[in-house]
C-alpha cells in the first residue's frame, strides 16, 4: 500500500487567515490559547492509529509552549517549520522573511536537538513572485518546502505546477525539494484532496476517491494536512460574517471521526520518510532520538 504524508500545521485557531479576516472589525481583541489541548487531542488520535506525521510548528507556538514541541518529538513525529509569525510570505520583504524563518528554525532545533529540514509557508503564500524565498530557505538549512497547492483558489494556488515531489530550486550542489499538497487530476483539472477546509466542506468520498486514484493510478503519495484547531468544536466563536464563519467552523464537530476513517483506510507517515524512501533525501536524525 502506498505511503502518503500526514502533515499538521501547529498554530492557534486565531492564526487562521479566515478567522483573522472575519474578526478584523473587532479590533485588537485578545483570544485565549487552546493549542496545548488541541495538540494533545491530535497526538491521541495518531497514537490510536499508530501513525506518524510531520508537524509544521509555528515559532510563536514553540516559544510560548515548548512542552508542546517536546511532546510531539517524543512520540517520534517529524518537527518542521511554519515560520515564526503567521505572516504570509507575500507580505514580507526578503530580509524580514529570512529573519522570521531563521528565528523559528533555531527555536525548534533548540527544543528537539536535531536539524529541522522542512518548511511550510503560512497560507501557502510562496507564489511565483516569491521565488526569492527558495535560496533563503536553502541557506537557512531547509531541504524541502511544502508551500505549493496546485489548485485554483481565491487566496493561493498554482494550478499549472507539478503535483508530486520535485526539485524546485538549485544552485550548484545546493537544492530545495517541493512537496505539493495533494490533488487528483480529473478531466484536466486538479481537484483538492489534500485536506484543510476542503476536507471539512466536501463529502468524505471526495477525498477517499482522490487519494485512491493517485495511489493506484499514478503510484504517487498524497500530501495531506490539517490543523489541531480543526479538532476543537469548543473554540471561541466571536461574531463574524457568515461566509467566514462557514469556512472556519463547518465540519469541525465531525473532524476527529473523519480523520479516523481516513487513517484507517490509508497509510500515512512523515514527509521526511516518504522523501527518503523515494531517494530524494538521505537519512537524517529523528527528533525522539535527541529529546529526553
C-alpha atoms as a PDB file:
ATOM      1  CA  UNK A   1       0.000   0.000   0.000  1.00  0.00           C
ATOM      2  CA  UNK A   2       1.280   3.458  -0.893  1.00  0.00           C
ATOM      3  CA  UNK A   3       2.686   5.551   1.985  1.00  0.00           C
ATOM      4  CA  UNK A   4       1.161   9.041   1.996  1.00  0.00           C
ATOM      5  CA  UNK A   5       2.176  12.033   4.120  1.00  0.00           C
ATOM      6  CA  UNK A   6       0.160  13.313   7.044  1.00  0.00           C
ATOM      7  CA  UNK A   7       1.129  16.892   7.880  1.00  0.00           C
ATOM      8  CA  UNK A   8      -0.186  19.117  10.644  1.00  0.00           C
ATOM      9  CA  UNK A   9       0.158  22.897  10.815  1.00  0.00           C
ATOM     10  CA  UNK A  10       0.541  23.723  14.508  1.00  0.00           C
ATOM     11  CA  UNK A  11      -0.943  27.138  15.155  1.00  0.00           C
ATOM     12  CA  UNK A  12      -3.746  28.702  17.168  1.00  0.00           C
ATOM     13  CA  UNK A  13      -7.292  28.950  15.787  1.00  0.00           C
ATOM     14  CA  UNK A  14      -6.890  32.729  15.750  1.00  0.00           C
ATOM     15  CA  UNK A  15      -3.884  32.486  13.407  1.00  0.00           C
ATOM     16  CA  UNK A  16      -6.111  31.199  10.592  1.00  0.00           C
ATOM     17  CA  UNK A  17      -6.479  33.723   7.768  1.00  0.00           C
ATOM     18  CA  UNK A  18     -10.262  33.291   7.593  1.00  0.00           C
ATOM     19  CA  UNK A  19     -10.586  33.841  11.351  1.00  0.00           C
ATOM     20  CA  UNK A  20      -8.390  36.948  11.154  1.00  0.00           C
ATOM     21  CA  UNK A  21     -10.376  38.369   8.258  1.00  0.00           C
ATOM     22  CA  UNK A  22     -13.693  37.617   9.940  1.00  0.00           C
ATOM     23  CA  UNK A  23     -12.750  39.268  13.239  1.00  0.00           C
ATOM     24  CA  UNK A  24     -10.781  42.250  11.888  1.00  0.00           C
ATOM     25  CA  UNK A  25     -13.546  44.703  12.726  1.00  0.00           C
ATOM     26  CA  UNK A  26     -13.384  43.624  16.396  1.00  0.00           C
ATOM     27  CA  UNK A  27     -10.069  45.431  16.788  1.00  0.00           C
ATOM     28  CA  UNK A  28      -7.169  44.153  18.900  1.00  0.00           C
ATOM     29  CA  UNK A  29      -9.201  41.628  20.848  1.00  0.00           C
ATOM     30  CA  UNK A  30      -7.171  39.005  22.739  1.00  0.00           C
ATOM     31  CA  UNK A  31      -8.233  35.380  22.247  1.00  0.00           C
ATOM     32  CA  UNK A  32      -7.376  32.578  24.667  1.00  0.00           C
ATOM     33  CA  UNK A  33      -4.779  29.988  23.670  1.00  0.00           C
ATOM     34  CA  UNK A  34      -6.059  26.461  23.014  1.00  0.00           C
ATOM     35  CA  UNK A  35      -3.064  24.955  21.215  1.00  0.00           C
ATOM     36  CA  UNK A  36      -1.909  22.696  24.069  1.00  0.00           C
ATOM     37  CA  UNK A  37      -5.194  20.805  24.403  1.00  0.00           C
ATOM     38  CA  UNK A  38      -5.657  20.677  20.632  1.00  0.00           C
ATOM     39  CA  UNK A  39      -2.213  19.193  20.027  1.00  0.00           C
ATOM     40  CA  UNK A  40      -2.820  16.690  22.852  1.00  0.00           C
ATOM     41  CA  UNK A  41      -6.057  15.662  21.118  1.00  0.00           C
ATOM     42  CA  UNK A  42      -4.167  15.330  17.819  1.00  0.00           C
ATOM     43  CA  UNK A  43      -1.417  13.182  19.352  1.00  0.00           C
ATOM     44  CA  UNK A  44      -4.002  10.904  20.958  1.00  0.00           C
ATOM     45  CA  UNK A  45      -5.679  10.423  17.565  1.00  0.00           C
ATOM     46  CA  UNK A  46      -2.375   9.498  15.901  1.00  0.00           C
ATOM     47  CA  UNK A  47      -1.481   7.169  18.762  1.00  0.00           C
ATOM     48  CA  UNK A  48      -4.751   5.278  18.344  1.00  0.00           C
ATOM     49  CA  UNK A  49      -3.992   4.755  14.667  1.00  0.00           C
ATOM     50  CA  UNK A  50      -0.261   4.082  15.114  1.00  0.00           C
ATOM     51  CA  UNK A  51       0.519   6.874  12.646  1.00  0.00           C
ATOM     52  CA  UNK A  52       3.469   9.237  12.408  1.00  0.00           C
ATOM     53  CA  UNK A  53       3.139  12.729  10.946  1.00  0.00           C
ATOM     54  CA  UNK A  54       5.093  15.851  10.088  1.00  0.00           C
ATOM     55  CA  UNK A  55       4.204  18.784  12.347  1.00  0.00           C
ATOM     56  CA  UNK A  56       4.879  22.202  10.818  1.00  0.00           C
ATOM     57  CA  UNK A  57       5.161  24.208  14.039  1.00  0.00           C
ATOM     58  CA  UNK A  58       4.803  27.961  14.269  1.00  0.00           C
ATOM     59  CA  UNK A  59       7.724  29.626  16.057  1.00  0.00           C
ATOM     60  CA  UNK A  60       5.383  31.671  18.253  1.00  0.00           C
ATOM     61  CA  UNK A  61       3.785  28.439  19.453  1.00  0.00           C
ATOM     62  CA  UNK A  62       7.170  26.862  20.141  1.00  0.00           C
ATOM     63  CA  UNK A  63       8.294  29.923  22.103  1.00  0.00           C
ATOM     64  CA  UNK A  64       5.113  30.093  24.179  1.00  0.00           C
ATOM     65  CA  UNK A  65       4.514  26.356  24.581  1.00  0.00           C
ATOM     66  CA  UNK A  66       7.861  24.489  24.383  1.00  0.00           C
ATOM     67  CA  UNK A  67       6.365  21.428  26.089  1.00  0.00           C
ATOM     68  CA  UNK A  68       4.054  21.004  23.080  1.00  0.00           C
ATOM     69  CA  UNK A  69       7.008  20.669  20.700  1.00  0.00           C
ATOM     70  CA  UNK A  70       8.822  18.267  23.024  1.00  0.00           C
ATOM     71  CA  UNK A  71       5.689  16.128  23.361  1.00  0.00           C
ATOM     72  CA  UNK A  72       5.346  15.879  19.576  1.00  0.00           C
ATOM     73  CA  UNK A  73       9.002  14.936  19.155  1.00  0.00           C
ATOM     74  CA  UNK A  74       8.960  12.349  21.970  1.00  0.00           C
ATOM     75  CA  UNK A  75       6.338  10.362  20.076  1.00  0.00           C
ATOM     76  CA  UNK A  76       8.565  10.110  17.006  1.00  0.00           C
ATOM     77  CA  UNK A  77       6.886  12.646  14.758  1.00  0.00           C
ATOM     78  CA  UNK A  78       8.864  14.910  12.462  1.00  0.00           C
ATOM     79  CA  UNK A  79       9.217  18.533  13.538  1.00  0.00           C
ATOM     80  CA  UNK A  80       9.176  21.008  10.648  1.00  0.00           C
ATOM     81  CA  UNK A  81       8.878  24.794  10.475  1.00  0.00           C
ATOM     82  CA  UNK A  82       5.837  27.005   9.799  1.00  0.00           C
ATOM     83  CA  UNK A  83       7.730  30.283  10.212  1.00  0.00           C
ATOM     84  CA  UNK A  84       7.786  32.337  13.401  1.00  0.00           C
ATOM     85  CA  UNK A  85       4.829  34.677  12.960  1.00  0.00           C
ATOM     86  CA  UNK A  86       1.853  33.503  10.962  1.00  0.00           C
ATOM     87  CA  UNK A  87       2.508  36.125   8.310  1.00  0.00           C
ATOM     88  CA  UNK A  88       2.083  35.436   4.600  1.00  0.00           C
ATOM     89  CA  UNK A  89       5.354  35.496   2.683  1.00  0.00           C
ATOM     90  CA  UNK A  90       3.958  37.868   0.065  1.00  0.00           C
ATOM     91  CA  UNK A  91       3.505  40.432   2.856  1.00  0.00           C
ATOM     92  CA  UNK A  92       7.195  40.247   3.815  1.00  0.00           C
ATOM     93  CA  UNK A  93      10.385  41.591   2.335  1.00  0.00           C
ATOM     94  CA  UNK A  94      13.240  39.111   1.794  1.00  0.00           C
ATOM     95  CA  UNK A  95      15.158  40.344   4.847  1.00  0.00           C
ATOM     96  CA  UNK A  96      12.050  40.033   7.047  1.00  0.00           C
ATOM     97  CA  UNK A  97      11.355  36.554   5.736  1.00  0.00           C
ATOM     98  CA  UNK A  98      14.950  35.464   6.316  1.00  0.00           C
ATOM     99  CA  UNK A  99      14.884  36.676   9.915  1.00  0.00           C
ATOM    100  CA  UNK A 100      11.490  35.059  10.520  1.00  0.00           C
ATOM    101  CA  UNK A 101      12.390  31.564   9.286  1.00  0.00           C
ATOM    102  CA  UNK A 102      15.837  31.545  10.891  1.00  0.00           C
ATOM    103  CA  UNK A 103      14.359  32.555  14.232  1.00  0.00           C
ATOM    104  CA  UNK A 104      11.710  29.828  14.075  1.00  0.00           C
ATOM    105  CA  UNK A 105      14.163  27.151  12.904  1.00  0.00           C
ATOM    106  CA  UNK A 106      16.617  27.942  15.717  1.00  0.00           C
ATOM    107  CA  UNK A 107      13.794  27.853  18.281  1.00  0.00           C
ATOM    108  CA  UNK A 108      12.624  24.434  17.115  1.00  0.00           C
ATOM    109  CA  UNK A 109      16.106  22.937  16.860  1.00  0.00           C
ATOM    110  CA  UNK A 110      16.922  24.096  20.385  1.00  0.00           C
ATOM    111  CA  UNK A 111      13.885  22.169  21.603  1.00  0.00           C
ATOM    112  CA  UNK A 112      14.300  18.917  19.657  1.00  0.00           C
ATOM    113  CA  UNK A 113      18.075  18.731  19.226  1.00  0.00           C
ATOM    114  CA  UNK A 114      18.102  17.655  15.571  1.00  0.00           C
ATOM    115  CA  UNK A 115      18.078  19.588  12.267  1.00  0.00           C
ATOM    116  CA  UNK A 116      14.697  20.880  11.102  1.00  0.00           C
ATOM    117  CA  UNK A 117      14.703  20.363   7.341  1.00  0.00           C
ATOM    118  CA  UNK A 118      11.100  21.050   6.256  1.00  0.00           C
ATOM    119  CA  UNK A 119       9.235  24.343   5.836  1.00  0.00           C
ATOM    120  CA  UNK A 120       5.671  25.358   5.000  1.00  0.00           C
ATOM    121  CA  UNK A 121       4.662  28.980   4.473  1.00  0.00           C
ATOM    122  CA  UNK A 122       1.586  30.311   6.263  1.00  0.00           C
ATOM    123  CA  UNK A 123      -1.384  30.305   3.889  1.00  0.00           C
ATOM    124  CA  UNK A 124       0.666  28.550   1.145  1.00  0.00           C
ATOM    125  CA  UNK A 125       1.947  32.027   0.388  1.00  0.00           C
ATOM    126  CA  UNK A 126       5.029  31.352  -1.738  1.00  0.00           C
ATOM    127  CA  UNK A 127       3.892  32.040  -5.287  1.00  0.00           C
ATOM    128  CA  UNK A 128       5.847  32.665  -8.473  1.00  0.00           C
ATOM    129  CA  UNK A 129       6.547  36.237  -7.385  1.00  0.00           C
ATOM    130  CA  UNK A 130       8.088  34.968  -4.140  1.00  0.00           C
ATOM    131  CA  UNK A 131      10.635  32.603  -5.728  1.00  0.00           C
ATOM    132  CA  UNK A 132      13.257  34.717  -3.950  1.00  0.00           C
ATOM    133  CA  UNK A 133      12.274  32.758  -0.834  1.00  0.00           C
ATOM    134  CA  UNK A 134      13.805  29.483  -2.064  1.00  0.00           C
ATOM    135  CA  UNK A 135      17.515  30.412  -1.792  1.00  0.00           C
ATOM    136  CA  UNK A 136      16.782  31.911   1.629  1.00  0.00           C
ATOM    137  CA  UNK A 137      15.307  28.592   2.760  1.00  0.00           C
ATOM    138  CA  UNK A 138      18.275  26.636   1.397  1.00  0.00           C
ATOM    139  CA  UNK A 139      20.790  28.983   3.016  1.00  0.00           C
ATOM    140  CA  UNK A 140      18.953  28.554   6.324  1.00  0.00           C
ATOM    141  CA  UNK A 141      19.386  24.773   6.092  1.00  0.00           C
ATOM    142  CA  UNK A 142      15.994  23.592   4.850  1.00  0.00           C
ATOM    143  CA  UNK A 143      15.934  20.620   2.472  1.00  0.00           C
ATOM    144  CA  UNK A 144      12.296  20.639   1.406  1.00  0.00           C
ATOM    145  CA  UNK A 145       9.340  23.008   1.176  1.00  0.00           C
ATOM    146  CA  UNK A 146       5.607  22.223   1.207  1.00  0.00           C
ATOM    147  CA  UNK A 147       4.063  25.606   0.422  1.00  0.00           C
ATOM    148  CA  UNK A 148       2.622  24.921  -3.011  1.00  0.00           C
ATOM    149  CA  UNK A 149      -1.003  23.891  -3.638  1.00  0.00           C
ATOM    150  CA  UNK A 150      -1.526  23.263  -7.386  1.00  0.00           C
ATOM    151  CA  UNK A 151      -5.184  24.335  -7.495  1.00  0.00           C
ATOM    152  CA  UNK A 152      -7.235  27.440  -8.301  1.00  0.00           C
ATOM    153  CA  UNK A 153      -8.143  29.269  -5.104  1.00  0.00           C
ATOM    154  CA  UNK A 154      -9.175  32.769  -4.090  1.00  0.00           C
ATOM    155  CA  UNK A 155      -6.097  33.263  -1.857  1.00  0.00           C
ATOM    156  CA  UNK A 156      -3.366  30.923  -3.130  1.00  0.00           C
ATOM    157  CA  UNK A 157      -2.588  28.173  -5.624  1.00  0.00           C
ATOM    158  CA  UNK A 158      -0.634  27.417  -8.808  1.00  0.00           C
ATOM    159  CA  UNK A 159      -2.770  25.040 -10.884  1.00  0.00           C
ATOM    160  CA  UNK A 160      -0.072  24.558 -13.532  1.00  0.00           C
ATOM    161  CA  UNK A 161       2.663  23.498 -11.107  1.00  0.00           C
ATOM    162  CA  UNK A 162       3.887  19.880 -10.737  1.00  0.00           C
ATOM    163  CA  UNK A 163       1.689  17.791  -8.461  1.00  0.00           C
ATOM    164  CA  UNK A 164       4.283  15.475  -6.896  1.00  0.00           C
ATOM    165  CA  UNK A 165       7.698  15.934  -5.211  1.00  0.00           C
ATOM    166  CA  UNK A 166      10.271  17.635  -7.414  1.00  0.00           C
ATOM    167  CA  UNK A 167      13.325  19.878  -7.238  1.00  0.00           C
ATOM    168  CA  UNK A 168      12.066  23.460  -7.297  1.00  0.00           C
ATOM    169  CA  UNK A 169      15.372  25.321  -6.913  1.00  0.00           C
ATOM    170  CA  UNK A 170      19.074  24.568  -7.320  1.00  0.00           C
ATOM    171  CA  UNK A 171      22.344  26.473  -7.126  1.00  0.00           C
ATOM    172  CA  UNK A 172      25.370  24.238  -7.655  1.00  0.00           C
ATOM    173  CA  UNK A 173      25.112  21.407  -5.140  1.00  0.00           C
ATOM    174  CA  UNK A 174      22.509  23.248  -3.021  1.00  0.00           C
ATOM    175  CA  UNK A 175      18.911  22.326  -3.850  1.00  0.00           C
ATOM    176  CA  UNK A 176      15.392  22.574  -2.454  1.00  0.00           C
ATOM    177  CA  UNK A 177      12.652  19.992  -2.944  1.00  0.00           C
ATOM    178  CA  UNK A 178       8.982  20.875  -3.213  1.00  0.00           C
ATOM    179  CA  UNK A 179       6.307  18.515  -1.866  1.00  0.00           C
ATOM    180  CA  UNK A 180       2.961  19.959  -3.062  1.00  0.00           C
ATOM    181  CA  UNK A 181      -0.354  19.491  -1.268  1.00  0.00           C
ATOM    182  CA  UNK A 182      -2.326  16.591  -2.707  1.00  0.00           C
ATOM    183  CA  UNK A 183      -4.501  16.882  -5.791  1.00  0.00           C
ATOM    184  CA  UNK A 184      -6.244  14.415  -8.100  1.00  0.00           C
ATOM    185  CA  UNK A 185      -6.177  15.120 -11.837  1.00  0.00           C
ATOM    186  CA  UNK A 186      -9.641  14.585 -13.343  1.00  0.00           C
ATOM    187  CA  UNK A 187     -10.716  15.875 -16.785  1.00  0.00           C
ATOM    188  CA  UNK A 188      -7.616  18.087 -16.944  1.00  0.00           C
ATOM    189  CA  UNK A 189      -8.483  19.798 -13.652  1.00  0.00           C
ATOM    190  CA  UNK A 190      -6.633  19.482 -10.337  1.00  0.00           C
ATOM    191  CA  UNK A 191      -9.117  18.589  -7.602  1.00  0.00           C
ATOM    192  CA  UNK A 192      -8.179  19.398  -3.961  1.00  0.00           C
ATOM    193  CA  UNK A 193      -7.815  16.194  -1.931  1.00  0.00           C
ATOM    194  CA  UNK A 194      -5.068  17.348   0.448  1.00  0.00           C
ATOM    195  CA  UNK A 195      -7.161  18.222   3.481  1.00  0.00           C
ATOM    196  CA  UNK A 196      -7.715  21.540   5.247  1.00  0.00           C
ATOM    197  CA  UNK A 197     -11.049  23.256   4.731  1.00  0.00           C
ATOM    198  CA  UNK A 198     -11.847  21.152   1.674  1.00  0.00           C
ATOM    199  CA  UNK A 199     -11.768  18.009   3.833  1.00  0.00           C
ATOM    200  CA  UNK A 200     -14.349  19.530   6.185  1.00  0.00           C
ATOM    201  CA  UNK A 201     -16.543  21.086   3.484  1.00  0.00           C
ATOM    202  CA  UNK A 202     -16.699  18.253   0.942  1.00  0.00           C
ATOM    203  CA  UNK A 203     -18.045  14.694   1.347  1.00  0.00           C
ATOM    204  CA  UNK A 204     -15.565  12.136   2.703  1.00  0.00           C
ATOM    205  CA  UNK A 205     -15.985  10.139  -0.522  1.00  0.00           C
ATOM    206  CA  UNK A 206     -14.343  13.014  -2.436  1.00  0.00           C
ATOM    207  CA  UNK A 207     -11.076  12.646  -0.510  1.00  0.00           C
ATOM    208  CA  UNK A 208     -11.239   8.849  -0.473  1.00  0.00           C
ATOM    209  CA  UNK A 209     -11.729   8.689  -4.242  1.00  0.00           C
ATOM    210  CA  UNK A 210      -8.940  11.177  -4.892  1.00  0.00           C
ATOM    211  CA  UNK A 211      -6.316   9.506  -2.718  1.00  0.00           C
ATOM    212  CA  UNK A 212      -7.177   6.071  -4.094  1.00  0.00           C
ATOM    213  CA  UNK A 213      -6.885   7.401  -7.643  1.00  0.00           C
ATOM    214  CA  UNK A 214      -3.465   8.978  -7.039  1.00  0.00           C
ATOM    215  CA  UNK A 215      -2.102   5.992  -5.119  1.00  0.00           C
ATOM    216  CA  UNK A 216      -3.311   3.331  -7.584  1.00  0.00           C
ATOM    217  CA  UNK A 217      -3.252   5.007 -10.996  1.00  0.00           C
ATOM    218  CA  UNK A 218      -0.243   7.270 -10.565  1.00  0.00           C
ATOM    219  CA  UNK A 219       1.628   5.307  -7.886  1.00  0.00           C
ATOM    220  CA  UNK A 220       2.349   8.548  -6.054  1.00  0.00           C
ATOM    221  CA  UNK A 221       1.998   9.716  -2.435  1.00  0.00           C
ATOM    222  CA  UNK A 222      -0.505  12.363  -1.368  1.00  0.00           C
ATOM    223  CA  UNK A 223       0.445  15.216   0.954  1.00  0.00           C
ATOM    224  CA  UNK A 224      -2.497  15.684   3.340  1.00  0.00           C
ATOM    225  CA  UNK A 225      -2.748  18.383   6.019  1.00  0.00           C
ATOM    226  CA  UNK A 226      -4.939  19.689   8.822  1.00  0.00           C
ATOM    227  CA  UNK A 227      -4.695  21.976  11.860  1.00  0.00           C
ATOM    228  CA  UNK A 228      -5.151  20.921  15.501  1.00  0.00           C
ATOM    229  CA  UNK A 229      -7.762  23.683  15.919  1.00  0.00           C
ATOM    230  CA  UNK A 230      -9.929  21.854  13.374  1.00  0.00           C
ATOM    231  CA  UNK A 231     -10.436  19.154  16.037  1.00  0.00           C
ATOM    232  CA  UNK A 232     -11.783  21.702  18.538  1.00  0.00           C
ATOM    233  CA  UNK A 233     -15.532  22.384  18.244  1.00  0.00           C
ATOM    234  CA  UNK A 234     -15.485  24.312  21.545  1.00  0.00           C
ATOM    235  CA  UNK A 235     -13.142  27.087  20.413  1.00  0.00           C
ATOM    236  CA  UNK A 236     -14.453  30.667  20.739  1.00  0.00           C
ATOM    237  CA  UNK A 237     -16.965  31.812  18.133  1.00  0.00           C
ATOM    238  CA  UNK A 238     -16.857  35.606  18.004  1.00  0.00           C
ATOM    239  CA  UNK A 239     -19.212  37.447  15.637  1.00  0.00           C
ATOM    240  CA  UNK A 240     -18.043  37.410  12.027  1.00  0.00           C
ATOM    241  CA  UNK A 241     -19.603  37.477   8.528  1.00  0.00           C
ATOM    242  CA  UNK A 242     -21.428  34.254   7.638  1.00  0.00           C
ATOM    243  CA  UNK A 243     -19.037  33.349   4.820  1.00  0.00           C
ATOM    244  CA  UNK A 244     -16.058  33.462   7.189  1.00  0.00           C
ATOM    245  CA  UNK A 245     -17.975  31.534   9.846  1.00  0.00           C
ATOM    246  CA  UNK A 246     -18.865  28.844   7.294  1.00  0.00           C
ATOM    247  CA  UNK A 247     -15.300  28.366   6.065  1.00  0.00           C
ATOM    248  CA  UNK A 248     -13.738  28.354   9.517  1.00  0.00           C
ATOM    249  CA  UNK A 249     -16.197  26.305  11.588  1.00  0.00           C
ATOM    250  CA  UNK A 250     -18.080  23.953   9.283  1.00  0.00           C
ATOM    251  CA  UNK A 251     -17.339  20.296   9.955  1.00  0.00           C
ATOM    252  CA  UNK A 252     -15.085  20.704  12.982  1.00  0.00           C
ATOM    253  CA  UNK A 253     -17.521  18.757  15.163  1.00  0.00           C
ATOM    254  CA  UNK A 254     -17.013  15.740  12.865  1.00  0.00           C
ATOM    255  CA  UNK A 255     -13.303  16.192  12.123  1.00  0.00           C
ATOM    256  CA  UNK A 256     -11.974  13.578  14.575  1.00  0.00           C
ATOM    257  CA  UNK A 257     -14.337  10.925  13.220  1.00  0.00           C
ATOM    258  CA  UNK A 258     -13.500  11.787   9.595  1.00  0.00           C
ATOM    259  CA  UNK A 259      -9.767  11.727  10.265  1.00  0.00           C
ATOM    260  CA  UNK A 260     -10.154   8.362  11.998  1.00  0.00           C
ATOM    261  CA  UNK A 261     -11.815   6.973   8.853  1.00  0.00           C
ATOM    262  CA  UNK A 262      -9.008   8.403   6.736  1.00  0.00           C
ATOM    263  CA  UNK A 263      -6.234   6.946   8.917  1.00  0.00           C
ATOM    264  CA  UNK A 264      -7.957   3.558   8.946  1.00  0.00           C
ATOM    265  CA  UNK A 265      -8.272   3.412   5.160  1.00  0.00           C
ATOM    266  CA  UNK A 266      -4.849   4.753   4.063  1.00  0.00           C
ATOM    267  CA  UNK A 267      -1.226   4.545   5.199  1.00  0.00           C
ATOM    268  CA  UNK A 268       0.415   7.773   6.328  1.00  0.00           C
ATOM    269  CA  UNK A 269       3.864   8.749   7.514  1.00  0.00           C
ATOM    270  CA  UNK A 270       6.188  11.737   7.656  1.00  0.00           C
ATOM    271  CA  UNK A 271       7.355  13.856   4.731  1.00  0.00           C
ATOM    272  CA  UNK A 272      10.955  13.045   5.633  1.00  0.00           C
ATOM    273  CA  UNK A 273      10.311   9.291   5.477  1.00  0.00           C
ATOM    274  CA  UNK A 274       8.468   9.439   2.159  1.00  0.00           C
ATOM    275  CA  UNK A 275      11.175  11.581   0.567  1.00  0.00           C
ATOM    276  CA  UNK A 276      13.863   9.219   1.856  1.00  0.00           C
ATOM    277  CA  UNK A 277      12.006   6.178   0.516  1.00  0.00           C
ATOM    278  CA  UNK A 278      11.877   7.850  -2.886  1.00  0.00           C
ATOM    279  CA  UNK A 279      15.592   8.695  -2.711  1.00  0.00           C
ATOM    280  CA  UNK A 280      15.036  12.457  -2.653  1.00  0.00           C
ATOM    281  CA  UNK A 281      16.730  12.722   0.756  1.00  0.00           C
ATOM    282  CA  UNK A 282      19.409  10.893   2.706  1.00  0.00           C
ATOM    283  CA  UNK A 283      18.516   9.625   6.215  1.00  0.00           C
ATOM    284  CA  UNK A 284      18.579  12.285   8.946  1.00  0.00           C
ATOM    285  CA  UNK A 285      18.280  12.042  12.769  1.00  0.00           C
ATOM    286  CA  UNK A 286      14.792  11.791  14.220  1.00  0.00           C
ATOM    287  CA  UNK A 287      13.558  14.155  16.981  1.00  0.00           C
ATOM    288  CA  UNK A 288      12.808  11.436  19.557  1.00  0.00           C
ATOM    289  CA  UNK A 289      16.429  10.275  19.320  1.00  0.00           C
ATOM    290  CA  UNK A 290      17.532  13.613  20.794  1.00  0.00           C
ATOM    291  CA  UNK A 291      14.621  14.650  23.064  1.00  0.00           C
ATOM    292  CA  UNK A 292      14.780  13.314  26.595  1.00  0.00           C
END
